[in-house]
């Protein structure tokens, strides 16, 4: 297959950026995900809407603890999701790399407690540290 660049005018930059993030999470490149979406559209005749890629946001202002099974359950129910914390959010000791891949982003202005073995992943998901991140 020839490697020819394709210019797509009018592409929604926000959707494209979400696809880039999703591709990284899945260990794929953008072309693979776009090809999959186009193939599904042509084969199934389904309509692909921008809402498919919208991320749900869970907002915590109190004290909340999430386990690995909580994160998997949320991802199963919501699809991609973000955590917004202005209180105390503790990720239990069983939260691992696999669970972290289910969280798209963490916006933390409170205190975020994460297991030491995944502390670096929490920092990647948080991006800019506005609150406190504690490893335990």
Protein backbone atom coordinates (compact mmCIF):
# COMPACT_ATOMS: atom_id res chain seq x y z
CA UNK A 1 0.00 0.00 0.00
CA UNK A 2 1.44 3.36 -1.02
CA UNK A 3 2.14 5.89 1.69
CA UNK A 4 0.35 8.90 0.24
CA UNK A 5 -0.65 11.81 2.46
CA UNK A 6 -4.33 12.74 2.38
CA UNK A 7 -5.39 16.30 3.14
CA UNK A 8 -8.82 16.61 4.75
CA UNK A 9 -10.14 20.16 4.82
CA UNK A 10 -12.60 21.14 7.51
CA UNK A 11 -11.49 18.43 9.93
CA UNK A 12 -12.58 19.18 13.50
CA UNK A 13 -9.29 19.75 15.34
CA UNK A 14 -10.78 18.80 18.70
CA UNK A 15 -11.98 15.43 17.37
CA UNK A 16 -8.63 14.84 15.69
CA UNK A 17 -6.80 15.51 18.97
CA UNK A 18 -9.09 13.01 20.74
CA UNK A 19 -8.30 10.41 18.09
CA UNK A 20 -4.56 11.04 18.57
CA UNK A 21 -4.98 10.48 22.32
CA UNK A 22 -7.07 7.36 21.82
CA UNK A 23 -4.53 5.97 19.34
CA UNK A 24 -1.72 6.44 21.87
CA UNK A 25 -3.76 4.73 24.60
CA UNK A 26 -4.39 1.75 22.33
CA UNK A 27 -0.84 1.55 20.97
CA UNK A 28 -2.04 2.33 17.45
CA UNK A 29 -1.49 5.17 15.03
CA UNK A 30 -4.14 7.64 13.89
CA UNK A 31 -4.42 6.07 10.44
CA UNK A 32 -5.38 2.71 11.96
CA UNK A 33 -8.22 4.24 13.99
CA UNK A 34 -9.49 6.37 11.10
CA UNK A 35 -9.39 3.35 8.78
CA UNK A 36 -11.32 1.30 11.36
CA UNK A 37 -13.95 4.04 11.67
CA UNK A 38 -14.34 4.38 7.90
CA UNK A 39 -14.51 0.59 7.46
CA UNK A 40 -17.21 0.34 10.15
CA UNK A 41 -19.16 3.16 8.53
CA UNK A 42 -19.03 1.54 5.09
CA UNK A 43 -19.61 -2.04 6.23
CA UNK A 44 -22.30 -1.44 8.80
CA UNK A 45 -23.91 1.64 7.31
CA UNK A 46 -23.83 3.16 10.76
CA UNK A 47 -23.70 6.87 11.27
CA UNK A 48 -20.65 8.11 13.13
CA UNK A 49 -21.30 11.25 15.15
CA UNK A 50 -18.89 13.47 17.08
CA UNK A 51 -20.59 12.36 20.33
CA UNK A 52 -18.96 8.94 19.96
CA UNK A 53 -15.65 10.48 21.03
CA UNK A 54 -16.96 12.79 23.77
CA UNK A 55 -15.51 12.06 27.16
CA UNK A 56 -17.64 11.93 30.29
CA UNK A 57 -16.38 13.90 33.28
CA UNK A 58 -16.79 12.72 36.88
CA UNK A 59 -16.49 15.54 39.42
CA UNK A 60 -15.42 14.81 43.00
CA UNK A 61 -15.51 17.53 45.68
CA UNK A 62 -15.47 15.36 48.78
CA UNK A 63 -13.45 12.33 49.79
CA UNK A 64 -13.57 9.45 47.29
CA UNK A 65 -11.61 6.22 46.91
CA UNK A 66 -11.52 4.29 43.62
CA UNK A 67 -10.32 0.73 43.15
CA UNK A 68 -9.24 -0.98 39.96
CA UNK A 69 -12.65 -2.62 39.63
CA UNK A 70 -14.34 0.79 40.14
CA UNK A 71 -12.31 2.24 37.27
CA UNK A 72 -13.06 -0.73 34.99
CA UNK A 73 -16.75 -0.51 35.87
CA UNK A 74 -16.88 3.22 35.16
CA UNK A 75 -15.14 2.71 31.84
CA UNK A 76 -17.54 -0.08 30.92
CA UNK A 77 -20.57 2.11 31.71
CA UNK A 78 -19.30 5.47 30.43
CA UNK A 79 -16.62 4.71 27.89
CA UNK A 80 -13.77 7.23 27.99
CA UNK A 81 -13.96 9.37 31.12
CA UNK A 82 -12.10 12.08 32.98
CA UNK A 83 -11.79 12.63 36.70
CA UNK A 84 -12.06 16.13 38.15
CA UNK A 85 -11.06 16.34 41.78
CA UNK A 86 -11.15 19.30 44.15
CA UNK A 87 -11.43 17.19 47.32
CA UNK A 88 -9.47 14.08 48.31
CA UNK A 89 -9.28 11.37 45.66
CA UNK A 90 -7.47 8.15 46.59
CA UNK A 91 -6.68 5.50 44.01
CA UNK A 92 -6.42 2.18 45.82
CA UNK A 93 -3.25 0.06 45.88
CA UNK A 94 -4.70 -2.32 43.27
CA UNK A 95 -4.88 0.45 40.63
CA UNK A 96 -2.29 -0.44 37.99
CA UNK A 97 -1.17 0.61 34.53
CA UNK A 98 -4.08 -1.21 32.89
CA UNK A 99 -6.59 0.68 35.05
CA UNK A 100 -4.86 4.00 34.34
CA UNK A 101 -5.30 3.46 30.61
CA UNK A 102 -9.08 3.57 31.22
CA UNK A 103 -8.84 7.15 32.56
CA UNK A 104 -8.44 9.74 29.84
CA UNK A 105 -7.39 12.64 32.07
CA UNK A 106 -7.30 13.75 35.70
CA UNK A 107 -7.91 17.40 36.55
CA UNK A 108 -6.78 17.78 40.15
CA UNK A 109 -7.04 20.92 42.25
CA UNK A 110 -7.41 19.01 45.52
CA UNK A 111 -5.37 16.13 46.89
CA UNK A 112 -4.77 13.05 44.74
CA UNK A 113 -3.32 9.97 46.46
CA UNK A 114 -1.88 7.30 44.13
CA UNK A 115 0.04 4.05 44.68
CA UNK A 116 3.80 4.52 44.30
CA UNK A 117 4.03 1.97 41.48
CA UNK A 118 1.84 4.13 39.19
CA UNK A 119 2.76 7.61 40.44
CA UNK A 120 4.41 8.52 37.11
CA UNK A 121 1.23 7.55 35.22
CA UNK A 122 -0.84 9.78 37.49
CA UNK A 123 1.44 12.71 36.70
CA UNK A 124 1.02 12.07 32.97
CA UNK A 125 -2.78 12.02 33.32
CA UNK A 126 -2.81 15.14 35.52
CA UNK A 127 -0.55 17.17 33.22
CA UNK A 128 -0.28 20.43 35.15
CA UNK A 129 -0.30 19.88 38.91
CA UNK A 130 -2.66 22.45 40.43
CA UNK A 131 -3.34 20.54 43.63
CA UNK A 132 -1.33 18.02 45.61
CA UNK A 133 -0.28 14.61 44.29
CA UNK A 134 0.89 12.17 46.94
CA UNK A 135 2.33 8.74 46.31
CA UNK A 136 1.94 6.12 49.00
